[in-house]
Amino acid sequence: MTERKSLIWDETFPSLLLKGEGASAFLHGQTTADVFAKEKSESIFLSCWLSTKGILKSLLEIRLSNKMAEIVILSGEINSIRDAFESVIFPADKVKLEVMESIRRIQKINNYNSWKDSNCRWIVKNDLPEKKIYSYTKANKEELELWKLRQGIPSFGKEINGKTNPFELGLGDIINIDKGCYLGQEAMARLYRSKYIQYQLSYWEAYGESNDFLTGKNFFSINQDEGLKKKVGVVTSSIRKNKNFFNGLALIKTNFIDKDCFSENGDFILFKKPISFYKPF
């Protein structure tokens, strides 16, 4: 992505609507955000939806209004969320779930600041003229993909894979440890108390052959004295920038984040901390 160029992230996402006076309370118990603290604000805020074991299942944006909560699924599977929410909604919750039309979302982007610190706007139908939107240049597919990798934004089916937790993916700043009971809260509290995560998401760059950097390929640390290779991580996302230059995201064992690592064929891997990665301990 060209740094001097002002770009916007312009993408459409599936969305859900919770209606009823119990909307905030329901989301407070299902997601990682302190929803009650956001209740008087109509600003958009981030939250995670977890399994009972603290595994990240979806990355969400939420906006509250009078007896309603709009939910945009930034990364996740809408049918799974809908089915899971509906299975735990009871009459006493005083809330009803609906599937909304997809919401178009825009946000200014750069490679200096975390995407989580920049305001975004949801566009419902045509409530914002195209001319106003495109006072900035829309990032093309390649620019957007590269920017998301550099930021460390997790993708469903890649970084969000049924095994990872929010701390491993650098989402600790949207996990509220103190708000009380919510889905996955006990697992998050245990991880926070331990001050340790086994893997950490890392942005990487390397030169080599395409087969060395496919999703699912392993990275290694080499013991020079013993000549042994130790598997220390796995590629979760990968793109080719030119004939033999690749970059992407990988889950790397925390103890090897600052050590030299290589592909299966010995290509050196350069690691960088993703721009938006946040570790609370």
Protein backbone atom coordinates (compact mmCIF):
# COMPACT_ATOMS: atom_id res chain seq x y z
CA MET A 1 0.00 0.00 0.00
CA THR A 2 1.35 3.46 -0.90
CA GLU A 3 1.89 5.36 2.35
CA ARG A 4 1.42 8.87 0.86
CA LYS A 5 -1.98 8.02 -0.51
CA SER A 6 -5.05 8.68 1.68
CA LEU A 7 -7.22 5.58 1.49
CA ILE A 8 -10.50 4.34 2.88
CA TRP A 9 -11.62 0.84 3.76
CA ASP A 10 -14.99 0.41 2.06
CA GLU A 11 -16.61 -3.00 2.57
CA THR A 12 -20.04 -4.52 3.22
CA PHE A 13 -20.70 -6.84 6.16
CA PRO A 14 -23.60 -9.02 7.36
CA SER A 15 -25.53 -7.66 10.31
CA LEU A 16 -28.06 -8.54 13.00
CA LEU A 17 -30.51 -6.49 15.00
CA LEU A 18 -31.55 -7.06 18.61
CA LYS A 19 -34.82 -5.31 19.47
CA GLY A 20 -36.34 -4.89 22.88
CA GLU A 21 -35.61 -3.39 26.26
CA GLY A 22 -33.32 -6.32 27.12
CA ALA A 23 -30.98 -5.83 24.14
CA SER A 24 -28.10 -4.30 26.12
CA ALA A 25 -28.36 -6.83 28.96
CA PHE A 26 -28.39 -9.73 26.52
CA LEU A 27 -25.28 -8.53 24.69
CA HIS A 28 -23.55 -7.76 27.98
CA GLY A 29 -23.82 -11.44 28.87
CA GLN A 30 -22.86 -12.76 25.44
CA THR A 31 -19.91 -10.57 24.40
CA THR A 32 -16.66 -9.24 25.88
CA ALA A 33 -17.59 -5.54 25.93
CA ASP A 34 -18.95 -3.66 28.93
CA VAL A 35 -22.18 -2.95 27.07
CA PHE A 36 -23.78 -1.10 29.99
CA ALA A 37 -20.91 1.40 29.94
CA LYS A 38 -21.68 2.06 26.26
CA GLU A 39 -25.44 2.22 26.72
CA LYS A 40 -25.79 6.01 26.72
CA SER A 41 -23.59 6.47 23.68
CA GLU A 42 -24.54 5.89 20.05
CA SER A 43 -20.90 5.39 19.04
CA ILE A 44 -19.81 2.16 17.38
CA PHE A 45 -17.66 -0.11 19.55
CA LEU A 46 -15.82 -3.40 19.10
CA SER A 47 -16.49 -6.64 20.94
CA CYS A 48 -15.72 -10.35 20.70
CA TRP A 49 -18.06 -13.31 20.80
CA LEU A 50 -16.38 -16.31 22.42
CA SER A 51 -17.01 -19.94 23.16
CA THR A 52 -17.35 -21.06 26.76
CA LYS A 53 -13.66 -22.05 26.58
CA GLY A 54 -12.60 -18.56 25.51
CA ILE A 55 -12.03 -19.39 21.85
CA LEU A 56 -12.71 -16.45 19.54
CA LYS A 57 -15.70 -17.16 17.32
CA SER A 58 -16.44 -13.74 15.91
CA LEU A 59 -15.25 -10.13 15.86
CA LEU A 60 -18.17 -7.71 16.11
CA GLU A 61 -19.01 -4.03 15.94
CA ILE A 62 -22.02 -2.87 17.94
CA ARG A 63 -24.12 0.28 18.03
CA LEU A 64 -26.77 0.83 20.69
CA SER A 65 -29.81 3.02 20.39
CA ASN A 66 -33.20 3.19 22.09
CA LYS A 67 -34.08 -0.42 22.97
CA MET A 68 -32.02 -1.70 20.03
CA ALA A 69 -28.55 -3.05 19.28
CA GLU A 70 -27.20 -3.22 15.75
CA ILE A 71 -24.45 -5.81 15.26
CA VAL A 72 -22.04 -5.92 12.32
CA ILE A 73 -20.06 -9.13 11.87
CA LEU A 74 -16.56 -8.02 10.86
CA SER A 75 -15.21 -11.55 11.00
CA GLY A 76 -17.37 -14.55 11.69
CA GLU A 77 -20.27 -16.58 10.40
CA ILE A 78 -23.66 -14.89 10.72
CA ASN A 79 -25.74 -18.09 10.79
CA SER A 80 -23.70 -19.49 13.68
CA ILE A 81 -24.15 -16.30 15.67
CA ARG A 82 -27.86 -16.09 14.89
CA ASP A 83 -28.49 -19.72 15.83
CA ALA A 84 -26.47 -19.48 19.04
CA PHE A 85 -28.17 -16.25 20.14
CA GLU A 86 -31.63 -17.60 19.35
CA SER A 87 -30.92 -20.76 21.35
CA VAL A 88 -30.37 -18.74 24.53
CA ILE A 89 -33.01 -16.05 24.10
CA PHE A 90 -35.93 -16.61 26.49
CA PRO A 91 -39.10 -14.56 27.03
CA ALA A 92 -37.61 -13.07 30.20
CA ASP A 93 -34.80 -11.55 28.13
CA LYS A 94 -37.31 -9.21 26.45
CA VAL A 95 -35.42 -9.20 23.19
CA LYS A 96 -35.99 -10.30 19.61
CA LEU A 97 -33.33 -11.10 17.03
CA GLU A 98 -33.60 -10.16 13.36
CA VAL A 99 -31.28 -10.48 10.36
CA MET A 100 -30.71 -7.07 8.78
CA GLU A 101 -29.61 -6.06 5.32
CA SER A 102 -25.82 -6.02 4.97
CA ILE A 103 -24.26 -2.77 6.15
CA ARG A 104 -21.69 -0.85 4.16
CA ARG A 105 -18.83 0.32 6.36
CA ILE A 106 -16.17 2.96 5.62
CA GLN A 107 -13.04 3.93 7.54
CA LYS A 108 -9.90 5.93 6.79
CA ILE A 109 -6.81 3.72 6.93
CA ASN A 110 -3.03 4.03 7.19
CA ASN A 111 -0.03 1.98 8.28
CA TYR A 112 0.84 4.16 11.27
CA ASN A 113 -2.10 3.76 13.64
CA SER A 114 -4.23 0.86 14.81
CA TRP A 115 -7.49 0.46 12.92
CA LYS A 116 -9.16 0.13 16.32
CA ASP A 117 -8.31 3.77 17.12
CA SER A 118 -9.91 5.23 13.98
CA ASN A 119 -13.60 6.08 13.70
CA CYS A 120 -15.71 4.24 11.15
CA ARG A 121 -19.12 4.96 9.67
CA TRP A 122 -21.93 2.60 8.75
CA ILE A 123 -23.84 3.55 5.64
CA VAL A 124 -27.40 2.32 5.55
CA LYS A 125 -28.85 2.53 2.04
CA ASN A 126 -27.85 5.91 0.60
CA ASP A 127 -27.59 8.10 3.68
CA LEU A 128 -24.17 9.45 2.65
CA PRO A 129 -23.48 10.79 -0.87
CA GLU A 130 -20.83 8.96 -2.88
CA LYS A 131 -19.08 12.26 -3.52
CA LYS A 132 -18.52 12.74 0.21
CA ILE A 133 -17.34 9.16 0.67
CA TYR A 134 -14.76 9.45 -2.06
CA SER A 135 -13.06 12.61 -0.90
CA TYR A 136 -10.56 9.83 -0.14
CA THR A 137 -9.49 7.06 -2.49
CA LYS A 138 -11.07 3.65 -2.01
CA ALA A 139 -8.40 1.03 -1.33
CA ASN A 140 -8.39 -1.60 -4.04
CA LYS A 141 -8.49 -5.31 -3.22
CA GLU A 142 -4.70 -5.72 -3.06
CA GLU A 143 -4.16 -2.55 -1.00
CA LEU A 144 -6.86 -3.56 1.45
CA GLU A 145 -5.54 -7.09 1.81
CA LEU A 146 -2.00 -5.87 2.49
CA TRP A 147 -3.25 -3.30 4.99
CA LYS A 148 -5.31 -5.87 6.89
CA LEU A 149 -2.27 -8.15 7.14
CA ARG A 150 -0.02 -5.36 8.38
CA GLN A 151 -2.65 -4.38 10.94
CA GLY A 152 -3.15 -8.00 12.02
CA ILE A 153 -6.92 -8.03 11.49
CA PRO A 154 -7.98 -11.67 11.98
CA SER A 155 -9.93 -13.41 9.22
CA PHE A 156 -12.60 -16.03 9.80
CA GLY A 157 -11.35 -19.51 8.87
CA LYS A 158 -7.73 -18.35 9.05
CA GLU A 159 -6.73 -16.60 12.27
CA ILE A 160 -10.20 -17.22 13.71
CA ASN A 161 -10.03 -20.98 13.30
CA GLY A 162 -11.77 -22.56 16.27
CA LYS A 163 -8.53 -22.77 18.27
CA THR A 164 -7.31 -19.21 18.91
CA ASN A 165 -8.21 -16.88 21.74
CA PRO A 166 -8.37 -13.04 21.65
CA PHE A 167 -5.13 -12.54 23.57
CA GLU A 168 -3.20 -14.60 21.01
CA LEU A 169 -4.66 -12.45 18.22
CA GLY A 170 -3.86 -9.11 19.84
CA LEU A 171 -7.44 -8.26 20.79
CA GLY A 172 -6.83 -7.88 24.50
CA ASP A 173 -7.94 -4.24 24.39
CA ILE A 174 -11.52 -5.27 23.60
CA ILE A 175 -11.73 -7.85 26.39
CA ASN A 176 -13.23 -6.49 29.60
CA ILE A 177 -11.87 -8.54 32.48
CA ASP A 178 -13.76 -6.73 35.23
CA LYS A 179 -17.33 -6.43 33.96
CA GLY A 180 -18.58 -9.70 35.43
CA CYS A 181 -20.09 -12.80 33.92
CA TYR A 182 -20.19 -13.27 30.14
CA LEU A 183 -19.69 -16.13 27.73
CA GLY A 184 -16.03 -17.23 27.98
CA GLN A 185 -15.28 -14.93 30.93
CA GLU A 186 -13.77 -17.60 33.17
CA ALA A 187 -11.34 -18.72 30.46
CA MET A 188 -10.31 -15.11 29.79
CA ALA A 189 -9.77 -14.50 33.49
CA ARG A 190 -7.54 -17.58 33.79
CA LEU A 191 -5.43 -16.50 30.80
CA TYR A 192 -5.14 -12.99 32.18
CA ARG A 193 -4.05 -14.24 35.60
CA SER A 194 -1.45 -16.56 34.07
CA LYS A 195 0.11 -13.68 32.08
CA TYR A 196 1.07 -16.18 29.40
CA ILE A 197 -0.14 -17.17 25.95
CA GLN A 198 1.38 -20.05 24.02
CA TYR A 199 1.09 -18.44 20.58
CA GLN A 200 1.11 -14.88 19.32
CA LEU A 201 -0.05 -13.49 15.99
CA SER A 202 2.80 -12.06 13.95
CA TYR A 203 3.11 -10.31 10.60
CA TRP A 204 5.83 -11.82 8.41
CA GLU A 205 7.72 -11.18 5.16
CA ALA A 206 9.98 -13.56 3.23
CA TYR A 207 11.56 -14.34 -0.13
CA GLY A 208 11.25 -17.87 -1.47
CA GLU A 209 9.11 -20.32 -3.39
CA SER A 210 5.31 -20.19 -3.20
CA ASN A 211 4.94 -23.71 -1.79
CA ASP A 212 6.95 -22.67 1.28
CA PHE A 213 4.43 -20.06 2.36
CA LEU A 214 1.00 -21.55 1.75
CA THR A 215 -1.56 -21.33 4.52
CA GLY A 216 -0.92 -24.19 6.92
CA LYS A 217 2.82 -24.36 6.23
CA ASN A 218 5.09 -24.44 9.25
CA PHE A 219 7.90 -22.11 10.29
CA PHE A 220 10.95 -23.46 12.10
CA SER A 221 13.76 -22.46 14.41
CA ILE A 222 17.10 -24.11 13.72
CA ASN A 223 19.51 -25.12 16.46
CA GLN A 224 22.86 -24.40 14.80
CA ASP A 225 24.84 -26.50 17.27
CA GLU A 226 22.70 -29.61 16.92
CA GLY A 227 21.40 -29.03 13.39
CA LEU A 228 17.82 -29.66 14.54
CA LYS A 229 14.68 -27.97 13.28
CA LYS A 230 11.95 -27.15 15.78
CA LYS A 231 8.46 -26.26 14.58
CA VAL A 232 7.61 -22.89 16.11
CA GLY A 233 4.62 -21.62 14.15
CA VAL A 234 2.15 -21.94 11.33
CA VAL A 235 1.10 -19.67 8.45
CA THR A 236 -2.50 -18.50 8.79
CA SER A 237 -2.62 -15.99 5.89
CA SER A 238 -0.32 -15.52 2.92
CA ILE A 239 -0.17 -13.41 -0.25
CA ARG A 240 2.42 -12.99 -2.99
CA LYS A 241 3.50 -9.40 -3.70
CA ASN A 242 5.74 -10.30 -6.63
CA LYS A 243 7.40 -13.35 -8.13
CA ASN A 244 9.22 -14.49 -5.00
CA PHE A 245 8.25 -12.06 -2.22
CA PHE A 246 5.50 -13.08 0.20
CA ASN A 247 3.91 -11.71 3.34
CA GLY A 248 1.14 -12.69 5.68
CA LEU A 249 0.22 -13.59 9.22
CA ALA A 250 1.34 -16.53 11.34
CA LEU A 251 0.78 -17.88 14.81
CA ILE A 252 4.22 -18.15 16.40
CA LYS A 253 5.12 -19.69 19.75
CA THR A 254 5.61 -16.77 22.13
CA ASN A 255 9.11 -17.91 23.13
CA PHE A 256 10.28 -17.62 19.51
CA ILE A 257 8.79 -14.26 18.51
CA ASP A 258 12.19 -12.52 18.71
CA LYS A 259 14.31 -15.41 17.38
CA ASP A 260 15.40 -16.27 13.84
CA CYS A 261 12.89 -18.46 12.05
CA PHE A 262 12.88 -20.14 8.65
CA SER A 263 10.62 -21.85 6.16
CA GLU A 264 10.73 -25.59 5.46
CA ASN A 265 13.45 -24.93 2.84
CA GLY A 266 15.50 -22.59 5.01
CA ASP A 267 14.23 -19.20 3.78
CA PHE A 268 14.65 -16.53 6.45
CA ILE A 269 11.40 -15.10 7.86
CA LEU A 270 11.24 -11.47 8.98
CA PHE A 271 8.68 -10.96 11.73
CA LYS A 272 7.04 -7.68 12.73
CA LYS A 273 4.47 -6.97 15.41
CA PRO A 274 1.11 -6.27 13.75
CA ILE A 275 0.22 -2.57 14.06
CA SER A 276 -3.00 -3.21 15.98
CA PHE A 277 -1.70 -6.02 18.21
CA TYR A 278 -2.43 -5.37 21.88
CA LYS A 279 -1.20 -7.51 24.75
CA PRO A 280 -2.65 -6.60 28.16
CA PHE A 281 0.10 -8.28 30.20
